[in-house]
Protein backbone atom coordinates (compact mmCIF):
# COMPACT_ATOMS: atom_id res chain seq x y z
CA UNK A 1 -53.36 41.81 35.31
CA UNK A 2 -51.90 39.70 36.74
CA UNK A 3 -48.13 38.52 36.48
CA UNK A 4 -46.70 36.05 34.43
CA UNK A 5 -43.44 33.67 33.85
CA UNK A 6 -42.46 32.82 30.11
CA UNK A 7 -39.60 30.98 29.95
CA UNK A 8 -38.79 31.11 25.93
CA UNK A 9 -36.25 28.89 24.20
CA UNK A 10 -34.83 31.21 21.34
CA UNK A 11 -32.32 30.16 18.15
CA UNK A 12 -29.34 29.88 19.37
CA UNK A 13 -27.71 31.22 15.27
CA UNK A 14 -29.78 35.08 15.79
CA UNK A 15 -28.61 35.27 19.82
CA UNK A 16 -24.93 34.87 18.90
CA UNK A 17 -25.09 37.24 15.81
CA UNK A 18 -27.64 39.92 17.71
CA UNK A 19 -28.65 38.97 21.13
CA UNK A 20 -30.38 42.29 22.00
CA UNK A 21 -31.82 42.22 19.04
CA UNK A 22 -33.78 38.63 18.83
CA UNK A 23 -34.52 38.68 22.38
CA UNK A 24 -36.41 42.78 21.77
CA UNK A 25 -38.52 40.76 19.52
CA UNK A 26 -39.86 38.77 22.33
CA UNK A 27 -39.95 41.79 23.87
CA UNK A 28 -42.17 43.76 21.09
CA UNK A 29 -44.39 40.76 20.77
CA UNK A 30 -45.82 40.99 24.65
CA UNK A 31 -45.54 44.91 24.08
CA UNK A 32 -47.76 44.71 21.54
CA UNK A 33 -50.25 42.67 23.23
CA UNK A 34 -50.29 44.66 26.13
CA UNK A 35 -48.19 43.40 28.52
CA UNK A 36 -45.73 45.31 30.98
CA UNK A 37 -42.16 43.58 31.03
CA UNK A 38 -41.22 43.38 34.63
CA UNK A 39 -38.12 41.62 34.22
CA UNK A 40 -36.11 39.93 31.61
CA UNK A 41 -32.95 37.68 31.99
CA UNK A 42 -30.33 35.29 29.80
CA UNK A 43 -31.18 31.98 31.61
CA UNK A 44 -28.92 29.81 29.77
CA UNK A 45 -27.46 28.41 26.71
CA UNK A 46 -28.13 24.80 26.41
CA UNK A 47 -27.76 21.96 24.51
CA UNK A 48 -31.35 20.50 23.36
CA UNK A 49 -33.24 17.40 24.51
CA UNK A 50 -34.00 16.80 21.01
CA UNK A 51 -34.01 18.87 17.70
CA UNK A 52 -36.59 22.33 18.02
CA UNK A 53 -36.74 23.20 14.38
CA UNK A 54 -33.35 21.55 13.09
CA UNK A 55 -31.67 23.25 15.62
CA UNK A 56 -29.42 21.43 18.43
CA UNK A 57 -28.98 24.32 21.18
CA UNK A 58 -31.10 27.05 22.45
CA UNK A 59 -30.96 30.14 24.64
CA UNK A 60 -33.24 30.20 27.60
CA UNK A 61 -34.94 33.69 28.59
CA UNK A 62 -37.05 34.11 31.72
CA UNK A 63 -39.19 37.12 31.30
CA UNK A 64 -41.59 37.71 34.26
CA UNK A 65 -44.59 40.27 32.89
CA UNK A 66 -48.20 41.56 33.64
CA UNK A 67 -50.94 41.22 31.26
CA UNK A 68 -54.35 40.48 31.29
CA UNK A 69 -55.75 36.89 30.57
CA UNK A 70 -56.80 37.37 28.10
CA UNK A 71 -53.93 38.26 26.12
CA UNK A 72 -51.88 35.13 26.50
CA UNK A 73 -53.77 33.60 24.01
CA UNK A 74 -53.10 36.28 21.90
CA UNK A 75 -49.15 36.56 23.02
CA UNK A 76 -49.02 32.35 22.90
CA UNK A 77 -50.34 32.74 18.97
CA UNK A 78 -48.14 35.92 18.14
CA UNK A 79 -44.83 33.55 19.48
CA UNK A 80 -45.61 30.53 17.02
CA UNK A 81 -45.79 32.92 14.26
CA UNK A 82 -42.21 34.27 15.07
CA UNK A 83 -41.13 30.95 14.20
CA UNK A 84 -37.23 31.65 13.44
CA UNK A 85 -36.88 33.19 17.04
CA UNK A 86 -39.08 31.29 19.13
CA UNK A 87 -38.25 27.45 18.56
CA UNK A 88 -40.14 27.40 22.62
CA UNK A 89 -42.45 29.38 24.61
CA UNK A 90 -43.82 28.01 28.46
CA UNK A 91 -45.72 31.22 29.67
CA UNK A 92 -47.45 30.41 33.36
CA UNK A 93 -49.54 32.48 35.93
CA UNK A 94 -46.21 33.29 38.34
CA UNK A 95 -48.12 32.79 42.02
CA UNK A 96 -45.27 33.19 44.41
CA UNK A 97 -43.86 35.67 42.66
CA UNK A 98 -40.77 36.73 41.00
CA UNK A 99 -37.35 35.45 42.71
CA UNK A 100 -34.67 37.36 41.70
CA UNK A 101 -31.52 35.51 41.14
CA UNK A 102 -29.23 36.83 44.18
CA UNK A 103 -32.39 35.22 46.27
CA UNK A 104 -31.70 32.15 44.45
CA UNK A 105 -28.69 31.68 44.54
CA UNK A 106 -28.48 32.36 48.36
CA UNK A 107 -30.82 29.47 48.22
CA UNK A 108 -28.96 26.97 46.38
CA UNK A 109 -25.72 28.34 48.14
CA UNK A 110 -27.88 27.43 51.74
CA UNK A 111 -28.88 23.62 50.71
CA UNK A 112 -24.95 23.35 48.96
CA UNK A 113 -23.60 23.76 52.89
CA UNK A 114 -26.25 21.71 54.36
CA UNK A 115 -25.33 19.00 51.99
CA UNK A 116 -21.48 19.50 52.72
CA UNK A 117 -22.43 19.50 56.52
CA UNK A 118 -24.09 16.03 56.58
CA UNK A 119 -21.34 14.47 53.84
CA UNK A 120 -18.61 16.03 56.59
CA UNK A 121 -20.26 14.36 59.34
CA UNK A 122 -21.13 11.03 57.35
CA UNK A 123 -17.21 11.15 56.61
CA UNK A 124 -16.27 11.86 60.53
CA UNK A 125 -18.48 9.29 61.76
CA UNK A 126 -17.02 6.66 59.39
CA UNK A 127 -13.33 7.17 60.26
CA UNK A 128 -14.09 7.01 63.39
CA UNK A 129 -16.24 3.68 63.20
CA UNK A 130 -12.70 2.80 61.38
CA UNK A 131 -10.45 3.86 63.51
CA UNK A 132 -12.09 2.99 66.72
CA UNK A 133 -10.85 -0.65 68.16
CA UNK A 134 -13.29 -3.69 67.19
CA UNK A 135 -14.88 -5.17 69.77
CA UNK A 136 -14.08 -8.82 70.27
CA UNK A 137 -16.37 -11.33 69.05
CA UNK A 138 -18.67 -13.07 72.06
CA UNK A 139 -17.27 -16.20 72.28
CA UNK A 140 -14.02 -15.44 70.61
CA UNK A 141 -9.98 -14.84 72.05
CA UNK A 142 -9.42 -11.06 73.01
CA UNK A 143 -5.92 -11.73 71.65
CA UNK A 144 -4.23 -13.68 69.51
CA UNK A 145 -2.66 -16.75 71.68
CA UNK A 146 -5.23 -16.61 74.76
CA UNK A 147 -7.25 -18.57 75.63
CA UNK A 148 -10.71 -18.58 76.07
CA UNK A 149 -12.20 -17.75 79.76
CA UNK A 150 -14.90 -20.17 80.84
CA UNK A 151 -17.34 -19.15 83.81
């Protein structure tokens, strides 16, 4: 058995009516093919970049599951047959393991904080540069009305 990550785009109309029942159909397809579901979560509901089977929106569900490599072809075929529920599916081997939402959120927060710190440092440098008196250009008078010194 290997750990797989499956991203499934589900019919938004079916999910609106009965989200748990719609996701359970996907779970049953996986279980019928010998998969063991490790984690399942609603990822997002989005407008699709292009129409899929006449749908403009889809519900993205991320499912981590253990399955034998031989069962993946049958799982994909069954997902395509459940076209009224599953609009698209992507199943890949999960080599880095499951990253839980709280870990992802912490990683994103750390990146966001670093980005904000860089932006604040750049803004402070720009403010300091703007506030510093401009050095006179070589050969120019240091103040209006002053004569130029020649050596």
